[in-house]
Amino acid sequence: MKYLIAGLGNIGVEYQNTRHNSGFMILDAFAKASNIVFTGSRYAFTAALRYKGRTFLLIKPTTFMNLSGKAVNYWLQKENIPVGNMLVVCDDIALPFGTIRLRPKGSDAGHNGLKDISEILGHENYARLRFGIGNDFYKGGQVDYVLSEWMPGEKKLLPARIDIAIDAIKSFGTSGITFAMNNFNNR
């Protein structure tokens, strides 16, 4: 069985350690822990790993956040992966820092990457793992906040929170979205 795990973020050094790149950061940590490396491919950096009899294709779209749907759709089609075996990993300002929320489907909640994926696929029926980045910003400061780097206290706690997200991704692939939700949501 194949699974597509799409981590959302923006390419470029200036975005590398920002809150909005949580999806990239989680997949980078997953790849590092699995001793695999990303390579440049069409519309994305990709890496594949086997875990408990499943193949996980990790993608980090190179199309920038607001055009993530193009990369996601391309790799779903190329690898003949059903949408039910796809998990999109992204940041979420509505969740406290480090909180994980898995859902089998849902709205984009204002997230431009999810919005583009939904528009390209023509529906919102795909699983997502939202990683909480908090919302400690002044009125009108949302863009600056999501594109800023983590605070020192957050940086210290980030590796442990990312490890939990990686475990949630593995659980999604091996036990399904319901099991993963029951074991990882709000953890």
Protein backbone atom coordinates (compact mmCIF):
# COMPACT_ATOMS: atom_id res chain seq x y z
CA MET A 1 0.00 0.00 0.00
CA LYS A 2 1.21 3.48 -0.90
CA TYR A 3 0.59 6.70 1.01
CA LEU A 4 1.22 10.25 -0.12
CA ILE A 5 2.30 12.54 2.70
CA ALA A 6 2.37 16.16 1.52
CA GLY A 7 4.09 18.63 3.81
CA LEU A 8 3.20 22.23 3.00
CA GLY A 9 5.65 25.11 3.08
CA ASN A 10 7.51 27.62 0.96
CA ILE A 11 10.83 26.98 -0.73
CA GLY A 12 13.74 29.31 -0.09
CA VAL A 13 16.15 30.03 2.74
CA GLU A 14 14.09 33.00 3.94
CA TYR A 15 11.17 30.66 4.79
CA GLN A 16 13.18 27.72 6.11
CA ASN A 17 12.60 28.06 9.86
CA THR A 18 9.28 29.86 9.83
CA ARG A 19 6.01 28.76 11.39
CA HIS A 20 4.36 28.53 7.95
CA ASN A 21 6.90 25.84 6.99
CA SER A 22 5.76 23.42 9.68
CA GLY A 23 4.79 20.85 7.05
CA PHE A 24 8.28 20.94 5.52
CA MET A 25 9.91 20.77 8.96
CA ILE A 26 7.91 17.71 10.00
CA LEU A 27 8.71 15.85 6.76
CA ASP A 28 12.38 16.84 6.98
CA ALA A 29 12.54 15.36 10.50
CA PHE A 30 10.68 12.22 9.32
CA ALA A 31 13.15 11.74 6.47
CA LYS A 32 16.16 12.33 8.73
CA ALA A 33 14.88 9.84 11.33
CA SER A 34 14.36 7.31 8.51
CA ASN A 35 17.84 7.89 6.99
CA ILE A 36 16.45 9.01 3.65
CA VAL A 37 17.01 12.22 1.71
CA PHE A 38 14.80 14.37 -0.46
CA THR A 39 15.62 14.75 -4.14
CA GLY A 40 14.37 17.29 -6.62
CA SER A 41 11.51 15.96 -8.72
CA ARG A 42 8.70 17.44 -10.75
CA TYR A 43 6.80 20.06 -8.69
CA ALA A 44 8.26 18.77 -5.39
CA PHE A 45 11.16 17.46 -3.41
CA THR A 46 10.39 13.77 -2.82
CA ALA A 47 11.58 10.95 -0.61
CA ALA A 48 10.17 7.44 -0.19
CA LEU A 49 10.39 5.06 2.73
CA ARG A 50 9.01 1.70 3.75
CA TYR A 51 7.44 1.30 7.16
CA LYS A 52 5.57 -1.80 8.38
CA GLY A 53 4.87 -2.98 4.84
CA ARG A 54 3.68 0.40 3.62
CA THR A 55 5.36 2.83 1.26
CA PHE A 56 5.27 6.47 2.31
CA LEU A 57 5.98 8.96 -0.45
CA LEU A 58 6.89 12.25 1.22
CA ILE A 59 6.56 15.38 -0.90
CA LYS A 60 7.45 19.00 -0.25
CA PRO A 61 5.90 21.03 -3.09
CA THR A 62 8.22 23.46 -4.85
CA THR A 63 5.23 25.40 -6.20
CA PHE A 64 5.01 27.63 -3.09
CA MET A 65 2.25 27.32 -0.52
CA ASN A 66 -0.54 28.99 -2.50
CA LEU A 67 -0.10 26.58 -5.45
CA SER A 68 0.36 23.33 -3.52
CA GLY A 69 -2.54 21.63 -5.33
CA LYS A 70 -0.59 21.29 -8.57
CA ALA A 71 2.15 19.23 -6.90
CA VAL A 72 -0.25 17.17 -4.78
CA ASN A 73 -2.47 16.29 -7.73
CA TYR A 74 0.52 15.46 -9.94
CA TRP A 75 1.99 12.99 -7.42
CA LEU A 76 -1.38 11.40 -6.63
CA GLN A 77 -1.85 10.72 -10.36
CA LYS A 78 1.77 9.73 -11.10
CA GLU A 79 1.93 7.22 -8.25
CA ASN A 80 -1.71 6.10 -8.65
CA ILE A 81 -2.41 6.77 -4.97
CA PRO A 82 -6.06 7.05 -3.92
CA VAL A 83 -7.01 10.30 -2.16
CA GLY A 84 -7.97 8.21 0.88
CA ASN A 85 -4.27 7.37 1.26
CA MET A 86 -3.16 11.00 1.27
CA LEU A 87 -2.34 13.12 4.30
CA VAL A 88 -1.58 16.84 4.03
CA VAL A 89 0.60 18.26 6.82
CA CYS A 90 0.35 22.01 7.45
CA ASP A 91 0.46 24.78 10.04
CA ASP A 92 -2.62 26.10 11.84
CA ILE A 93 -2.88 29.43 13.68
CA ALA A 94 -6.15 28.39 15.34
CA LEU A 95 -4.35 25.74 17.41
CA PRO A 96 -2.02 26.36 20.35
CA PHE A 97 1.67 25.80 19.67
CA GLY A 98 2.54 22.16 19.03
CA THR A 99 -1.03 20.86 19.17
CA ILE A 100 -1.85 18.22 16.58
CA ARG A 101 -5.26 17.93 14.95
CA LEU A 102 -5.99 15.17 12.44
CA ARG A 103 -9.18 15.22 10.37
CA PRO A 104 -10.42 12.98 7.53
CA LYS A 105 -11.75 16.01 5.63
CA GLY A 106 -12.83 19.60 6.20
CA SER A 107 -12.64 23.19 5.12
CA ASP A 108 -9.43 25.05 4.36
CA ALA A 109 -10.08 27.35 7.38
CA GLY A 110 -8.35 30.17 5.52
CA HIS A 111 -5.17 28.19 4.80
CA ASN A 112 -4.15 29.03 1.22
CA GLY A 113 -2.29 25.75 0.67
CA LEU A 114 -5.33 23.69 1.64
CA LYS A 115 -7.55 26.01 -0.40
CA ASP A 116 -5.51 25.38 -3.55
CA ILE A 117 -5.44 21.62 -2.99
CA SER A 118 -9.23 21.57 -2.56
CA GLU A 119 -9.73 23.66 -5.70
CA ILE A 120 -7.47 21.43 -7.81
CA LEU A 121 -8.95 18.18 -6.47
CA GLY A 122 -12.49 19.57 -6.67
CA HIS A 123 -13.34 18.54 -3.09
CA GLU A 124 -12.24 18.77 0.56
CA ASN A 125 -12.42 15.02 1.25
CA TYR A 126 -8.78 14.36 2.12
CA ALA A 127 -7.04 13.85 5.45
CA ARG A 128 -4.98 16.57 7.01
CA LEU A 129 -2.71 16.93 10.00
CA ARG A 130 -2.71 20.47 11.29
CA PHE A 131 0.21 21.49 13.47
CA GLY A 132 -0.56 24.32 15.88
CA ILE A 133 1.61 27.41 15.62
CA GLY A 134 -0.44 29.58 18.01
CA ASN A 135 -1.84 33.02 17.30
CA ASP A 136 0.23 35.44 19.35
CA PHE A 137 0.08 38.33 16.89
CA TYR A 138 -1.37 41.82 16.87
CA LYS A 139 -4.41 42.73 14.77
CA GLY A 140 -3.37 42.76 11.11
CA GLY A 141 -0.10 40.97 11.90
CA GLN A 142 -1.04 37.45 10.80
CA VAL A 143 1.18 37.35 7.71
CA ASP A 144 4.22 38.60 9.61
CA TYR A 145 3.53 36.10 12.40
CA VAL A 146 3.22 32.98 10.23
CA LEU A 147 6.29 33.99 8.20
CA SER A 148 8.39 34.65 11.31
CA GLU A 149 10.73 32.22 13.01
CA TRP A 150 9.89 30.33 16.18
CA MET A 151 10.49 32.00 19.53
CA PRO A 152 13.38 30.58 21.63
CA GLY A 153 11.00 28.79 24.02
CA GLU A 154 9.13 27.24 21.09
CA LYS A 155 12.39 26.14 19.42
CA LYS A 156 13.29 24.23 22.57
CA LEU A 157 9.96 22.33 22.59
CA LEU A 158 9.64 21.92 18.81
CA PRO A 159 11.61 18.65 18.33
CA ALA A 160 9.41 16.71 20.77
CA ARG A 161 6.23 18.10 19.16
CA ILE A 162 7.52 17.19 15.68
CA ASP A 163 8.27 13.64 16.88
CA ILE A 164 4.63 13.29 17.95
CA ALA A 165 3.51 14.52 14.51
CA ILE A 166 5.75 11.90 12.86
CA ASP A 167 4.20 9.18 15.03
CA ALA A 168 0.75 10.44 13.98
CA ILE A 169 1.73 10.17 10.29
CA LYS A 170 2.96 6.61 10.80
CA SER A 171 -0.27 5.78 12.63
CA PHE A 172 -2.33 7.22 9.76
CA GLY A 173 -0.59 4.87 7.33
CA THR A 174 -0.62 1.76 9.47
CA SER A 175 -3.89 2.04 11.42
CA GLY A 176 -6.04 4.58 9.58
CA ILE A 177 -7.29 8.08 10.20
CA THR A 178 -9.80 7.20 12.96
CA PHE A 179 -7.20 5.40 15.07
CA ALA A 180 -4.68 8.20 14.50
CA MET A 181 -7.25 10.86 15.46
CA ASN A 182 -8.19 9.02 18.65
CA ASN A 183 -4.56 8.66 19.70
CA PHE A 184 -2.99 11.95 18.63
CA ASN A 185 -5.55 14.76 18.47
CA ASN A 186 -4.81 17.52 20.99
CA ARG A 187 -1.88 15.58 22.37
